[in-house]
Amino acid sequence: MKHNKKRNPAFLYEILIREIAKSSMLKVENNTKLASELLKKYFIKNSEISKELNCYNSILSLKDTNPNKDFLNAVIQETKRNYSELNFKKLNDEKNKLISILNENFNKNIWSNFIPNYKNLATIYQIFQKDIPIKKRVMLESTLISDISEGLERNNIQNIDNLTYKTFIKKFNDKYRALSKRQNKLLMEYVYAFEDNGINLKLFLNEEVGELKNTISNYIIENTEYKEKFSKVLEVLESFNKKIILKEDLIKILQIQELVEEIKNNGRY
């Protein structure tokens, strides 16, 4: 069975995220607004597409657990059982409406956006299909288990629990100063990203990283002696558009937020 990427919830989720980033950069406000609205409408916690996406993420997130192959197989089988309990009529209706809106309002190139880990997303799509021959399904599942065991690229947002969050806040405050409102906002979105598949975190990061880049770029123009140093900071910020945010990246963003606050408070910008 051929992979129909337009019906793949993980693919739909990723192209919306990338459209928001791209249209924001190009200042196409209508596209940014519409893509954000679609993301929030169709991937909210109780939508059927969101439930389907959770099935994909249940498998994709296994890489972090470092399990054996028997455990991986058990999780895949249980996830398939959960998948079979979805309301497929509602799911198909949601997808049809979303795809129709995308086709009507965005350039057809939106379907050609590069999506990391696309191969594994396609494999998961196929193992969820009832019509695929049993022999092929078993082969696909075996391949997927091997990929996860060898190091499947992570595709879901890494979360930290409340205890880790409090410890992290204390350490950061001890090393630097009290967290600003924007830093607190970033941390809270990071901690609770699991509640909405990381939608609000990604939207916040898209806005926040853009603001940080603008401030630092303008600072470089006015203070050319720091161009080399701050250009490296801009490179770090650019990298966040191409990767999933991990705890180490979160610390970098918090530090850059601290730097920008210092620039503003000292009247340098």
Protein backbone atom coordinates (compact mmCIF):
# COMPACT_ATOMS: atom_id res chain seq x y z
CA MET A 1 0.00 0.00 0.00
CA LYS A 2 1.34 3.40 -1.01
CA HIS A 3 1.88 5.98 1.71
CA ASN A 4 -0.71 8.76 1.42
CA LYS A 5 1.12 11.57 3.17
CA LYS A 6 -1.89 13.87 3.06
CA ARG A 7 -3.70 11.43 5.36
CA ASN A 8 -0.74 11.08 7.73
CA PRO A 9 -1.41 13.17 10.88
CA ALA A 10 2.27 13.56 11.71
CA PHE A 11 2.95 14.89 8.21
CA LEU A 12 0.00 17.32 8.41
CA TYR A 13 1.20 18.53 11.80
CA GLU A 14 4.75 19.11 10.59
CA ILE A 15 3.83 20.99 7.39
CA LEU A 16 1.68 23.38 9.42
CA ILE A 17 4.55 24.04 11.82
CA ARG A 18 6.92 24.64 8.90
CA GLU A 19 4.41 26.87 7.11
CA ILE A 20 4.13 29.04 10.22
CA ALA A 21 7.91 29.39 10.42
CA LYS A 22 8.31 30.08 6.70
CA SER A 23 5.45 32.55 6.34
CA SER A 24 6.56 34.38 9.51
CA MET A 25 10.04 34.77 8.10
CA LEU A 26 8.65 36.02 4.77
CA LYS A 27 6.12 38.21 6.63
CA VAL A 28 3.12 36.60 4.91
CA GLU A 29 0.82 37.37 7.81
CA ASN A 30 -2.34 35.79 6.36
CA ASN A 31 -0.59 32.42 5.94
CA THR A 32 0.93 32.61 9.41
CA LYS A 33 -2.43 33.36 10.98
CA LEU A 34 -4.34 30.69 9.05
CA ALA A 35 -1.74 27.97 9.67
CA SER A 36 -1.74 28.79 13.39
CA GLU A 37 -5.53 28.67 13.54
CA LEU A 38 -5.60 25.31 11.72
CA LEU A 39 -2.99 23.88 14.05
CA LYS A 40 -4.97 24.86 17.12
CA LYS A 41 -8.32 23.78 15.66
CA TYR A 42 -7.39 20.36 14.30
CA PHE A 43 -4.68 19.28 16.74
CA ILE A 44 -6.33 20.22 20.01
CA LYS A 45 -6.27 17.60 22.75
CA ASN A 46 -9.66 15.99 22.05
CA SER A 47 -9.73 16.07 18.26
CA GLU A 48 -9.58 12.73 16.49
CA ILE A 49 -6.52 13.80 14.47
CA SER A 50 -4.75 14.64 17.73
CA LYS A 51 -5.58 11.18 19.10
CA GLU A 52 -4.21 9.60 15.94
CA LEU A 53 -1.06 11.72 16.18
CA ASN A 54 -0.61 10.49 19.76
CA CYS A 55 -0.49 6.93 18.39
CA TYR A 56 2.36 7.93 16.09
CA ASN A 57 4.18 9.74 18.90
CA SER A 58 3.79 6.74 21.22
CA ILE A 59 5.99 4.80 18.82
CA LEU A 60 8.34 7.62 17.84
CA SER A 61 9.10 8.44 21.48
CA LEU A 62 10.31 4.92 22.25
CA LYS A 63 13.87 5.77 21.33
CA ASP A 64 14.29 7.59 24.65
CA THR A 65 13.29 4.56 26.73
CA ASN A 66 16.16 2.36 25.51
CA PRO A 67 13.92 -0.76 25.57
CA ASN A 68 14.54 -4.27 24.28
CA LYS A 69 12.87 -5.50 21.09
CA ASP A 70 10.20 -7.52 22.92
CA PHE A 71 9.09 -4.39 24.75
CA LEU A 72 9.12 -2.37 21.52
CA ASN A 73 6.95 -4.96 19.84
CA ALA A 74 4.51 -5.02 22.77
CA VAL A 75 4.15 -1.23 22.65
CA ILE A 76 3.57 -1.26 18.90
CA GLN A 77 0.84 -3.92 19.26
CA GLU A 78 -0.86 -1.99 22.08
CA THR A 79 -0.65 1.24 20.08
CA LYS A 80 -2.26 -0.52 17.11
CA ARG A 81 -5.08 -1.62 19.43
CA ASN A 82 -5.58 1.99 20.58
CA TYR A 83 -5.49 3.13 16.97
CA SER A 84 -8.25 0.66 16.05
CA GLU A 85 -10.52 2.31 18.65
CA LEU A 86 -10.44 5.72 16.95
CA ASN A 87 -13.64 7.16 15.52
CA PHE A 88 -12.64 6.79 11.86
CA LYS A 89 -15.68 8.58 10.47
CA LYS A 90 -14.90 11.63 12.58
CA LEU A 91 -11.19 11.27 11.80
CA ASN A 92 -11.76 11.19 8.05
CA ASP A 93 -14.13 14.16 8.24
CA GLU A 94 -11.52 16.19 10.11
CA LYS A 95 -8.80 15.27 7.63
CA ASN A 96 -10.98 16.00 4.60
CA LYS A 97 -11.80 19.47 5.90
CA LEU A 98 -8.19 20.23 6.82
CA ILE A 99 -6.78 19.01 3.50
CA SER A 100 -9.42 20.97 1.61
CA ILE A 101 -8.50 24.19 3.43
CA LEU A 102 -4.80 23.61 2.78
CA ASN A 103 -5.41 23.01 -0.92
CA GLU A 104 -7.58 26.11 -1.25
CA ASN A 105 -5.44 28.56 0.70
CA PHE A 106 -1.80 27.53 0.29
CA ASN A 107 0.57 26.99 -2.59
CA LYS A 108 0.72 23.34 -3.70
CA ASN A 109 4.40 23.34 -2.70
CA ILE A 110 3.27 23.03 0.90
CA TRP A 111 2.97 19.28 0.27
CA SER A 112 6.62 19.13 -0.82
CA ASN A 113 8.11 20.52 2.39
CA PHE A 114 10.99 18.46 3.75
CA ILE A 115 9.94 16.55 6.87
CA PRO A 116 12.62 14.95 9.07
CA ASN A 117 12.11 11.25 9.74
CA TYR A 118 9.65 11.02 6.84
CA LYS A 119 10.57 7.39 6.14
CA ASN A 120 9.56 6.25 9.62
CA LEU A 121 6.35 8.30 9.51
CA ALA A 122 5.46 6.49 6.29
CA THR A 123 6.23 3.11 7.88
CA ILE A 124 3.99 3.81 10.87
CA TYR A 125 1.21 4.94 8.54
CA GLN A 126 1.37 1.61 6.73
CA ILE A 127 1.39 -0.62 9.79
CA PHE A 128 -1.82 1.08 10.96
CA GLN A 129 -3.66 0.20 7.74
CA LYS A 130 -5.97 -2.83 7.88
CA ASP A 131 -5.72 -3.60 4.17
CA ILE A 132 -1.97 -4.20 4.14
CA PRO A 133 -0.99 -7.92 3.85
CA ILE A 134 0.02 -9.52 7.14
CA LYS A 135 3.42 -10.59 5.83
CA LYS A 136 4.28 -7.05 4.74
CA ARG A 137 2.97 -5.57 7.99
CA VAL A 138 5.17 -7.89 10.06
CA MET A 139 8.15 -7.00 7.90
CA LEU A 140 7.48 -3.27 8.33
CA GLU A 141 7.10 -3.64 12.08
CA SER A 142 10.36 -5.56 12.26
CA THR A 143 12.12 -2.83 10.28
CA LEU A 144 10.65 -0.13 12.50
CA ILE A 145 11.75 -1.95 15.67
CA SER A 146 15.27 -2.22 14.27
CA ASP A 147 15.31 1.49 13.44
CA ILE A 148 14.18 2.39 16.95
CA SER A 149 16.74 0.06 18.51
CA GLU A 150 19.55 1.59 16.45
CA GLY A 151 18.50 5.13 17.25
CA LEU A 152 15.28 6.43 15.71
CA GLU A 153 15.36 10.19 15.23
CA ARG A 154 13.23 11.82 17.83
CA ASN A 155 9.98 13.41 16.58
CA ASN A 156 8.07 14.31 19.71
CA ILE A 157 8.64 17.08 22.22
CA GLN A 158 10.84 16.08 25.23
CA ASN A 159 9.06 16.93 28.49
CA ILE A 160 10.31 17.29 32.03
CA ASP A 161 8.18 16.56 35.10
CA ASN A 162 7.31 19.14 37.74
CA LEU A 163 10.05 18.05 40.16
CA THR A 164 12.69 18.38 37.45
CA TYR A 165 11.14 21.70 36.45
CA LYS A 166 11.44 23.11 39.99
CA THR A 167 15.01 21.86 40.34
CA PHE A 168 15.92 23.33 36.97
CA ILE A 169 14.37 26.71 37.87
CA LYS A 170 16.33 26.82 41.14
CA LYS A 171 19.63 25.99 39.46
CA PHE A 172 19.07 28.55 36.74
CA ASN A 173 18.09 31.23 39.27
CA ASP A 174 21.14 30.42 41.43
CA LYS A 175 23.46 30.80 38.45
CA TYR A 176 21.83 33.80 36.85
CA ARG A 177 19.07 36.03 38.21
CA ALA A 178 15.33 35.75 38.71
CA LEU A 179 13.58 34.56 35.59
CA SER A 180 11.92 37.16 33.39
CA LYS A 181 8.30 36.83 32.27
CA ARG A 182 9.40 35.55 28.84
CA GLN A 183 11.71 32.97 30.40
CA ASN A 184 8.95 31.75 32.69
CA LYS A 185 6.60 31.57 29.73
CA LEU A 186 9.12 29.50 27.76
CA LEU A 187 9.63 27.06 30.64
CA MET A 188 5.93 26.61 31.29
CA GLU A 189 5.21 25.94 27.60
CA TYR A 190 8.07 23.42 27.60
CA VAL A 191 6.86 21.60 30.70
CA TYR A 192 3.27 21.30 29.53
CA ALA A 193 4.00 20.66 25.84
CA PHE A 194 2.59 17.12 26.12
CA GLU A 195 -0.93 18.47 26.67
CA ASP A 196 -1.33 19.80 23.11
CA ASN A 197 1.40 17.92 21.20
CA GLY A 198 3.73 20.88 21.69
CA ILE A 199 1.64 23.25 19.58
CA ASN A 200 1.80 26.23 21.95
CA LEU A 201 5.50 25.63 22.60
CA LYS A 202 6.31 25.71 18.89
CA LEU A 203 4.17 28.78 18.30
CA PHE A 204 5.79 30.57 21.24
CA LEU A 205 9.29 29.57 20.13
CA ASN A 206 8.62 30.78 16.60
CA GLU A 207 7.67 34.20 17.97
CA GLU A 208 10.34 34.33 20.67
CA VAL A 209 13.26 33.25 18.48
CA GLY A 210 12.20 35.83 15.88
CA GLU A 211 12.19 38.60 18.49
CA LEU A 212 15.58 37.55 19.86
CA LYS A 213 17.08 37.51 16.36
CA ASN A 214 15.71 40.98 15.59
CA THR A 215 17.10 42.48 18.80
CA ILE A 216 20.55 40.96 18.34
CA SER A 217 20.68 41.86 14.62
CA ASN A 218 19.90 45.51 15.41
CA TYR A 219 22.46 45.49 18.22
CA ILE A 220 25.14 44.28 15.81
CA ILE A 221 24.33 47.13 13.40
CA GLU A 222 24.83 49.69 16.18
CA ASN A 223 27.80 47.93 17.79
CA THR A 224 29.92 46.50 14.98
CA GLU A 225 32.80 45.64 17.33
CA TYR A 226 30.67 42.78 18.68
CA LYS A 227 29.61 41.51 15.25
CA GLU A 228 31.67 38.29 15.31
CA LYS A 229 30.56 37.31 18.81
CA PHE A 230 26.87 38.02 18.30
CA SER A 231 26.80 36.51 14.83
CA LYS A 232 27.50 33.17 16.51
CA VAL A 233 24.49 33.75 18.75
CA LEU A 234 22.36 34.32 15.64
CA GLU A 235 23.62 31.04 14.20
CA VAL A 236 22.47 29.23 17.34
CA LEU A 237 19.03 30.83 17.06
CA GLU A 238 18.78 29.85 13.39
CA SER A 239 19.48 26.22 14.28
CA PHE A 240 16.34 26.03 16.44
CA ASN A 241 14.14 26.22 13.32
CA LYS A 242 15.61 22.96 12.06
CA LYS A 243 15.50 20.73 15.12
CA ILE A 244 13.42 19.48 18.00
CA ILE A 245 14.04 21.44 21.18
CA LEU A 246 15.81 19.41 23.86
CA LYS A 247 16.66 20.38 27.42
CA GLU A 248 20.15 21.52 26.35
CA ASP A 249 18.60 23.79 23.72
CA LEU A 250 16.19 25.18 26.29
CA ILE A 251 19.13 26.30 28.42
CA LYS A 252 20.71 28.04 25.42
CA ILE A 253 17.49 29.94 24.67
CA LEU A 254 17.15 30.97 28.33
CA GLN A 255 20.73 32.27 28.26
CA ILE A 256 20.10 34.21 25.05
CA GLN A 257 16.93 35.67 26.58
CA GLU A 258 19.09 36.74 29.51
CA LEU A 259 21.58 38.36 27.13
CA VAL A 260 18.84 40.28 25.31
CA GLU A 261 17.37 41.48 28.64
CA GLU A 262 20.80 42.80 29.60
CA ILE A 263 21.13 44.62 26.28
CA LYS A 264 17.73 46.27 26.74
CA ASN A 265 18.21 47.12 30.44
CA ASN A 266 21.58 48.75 29.80
CA GLY A 267 20.05 50.93 27.13
CA ARG A 268 22.19 49.44 24.40
CA TYR A 269 19.18 48.84 22.21
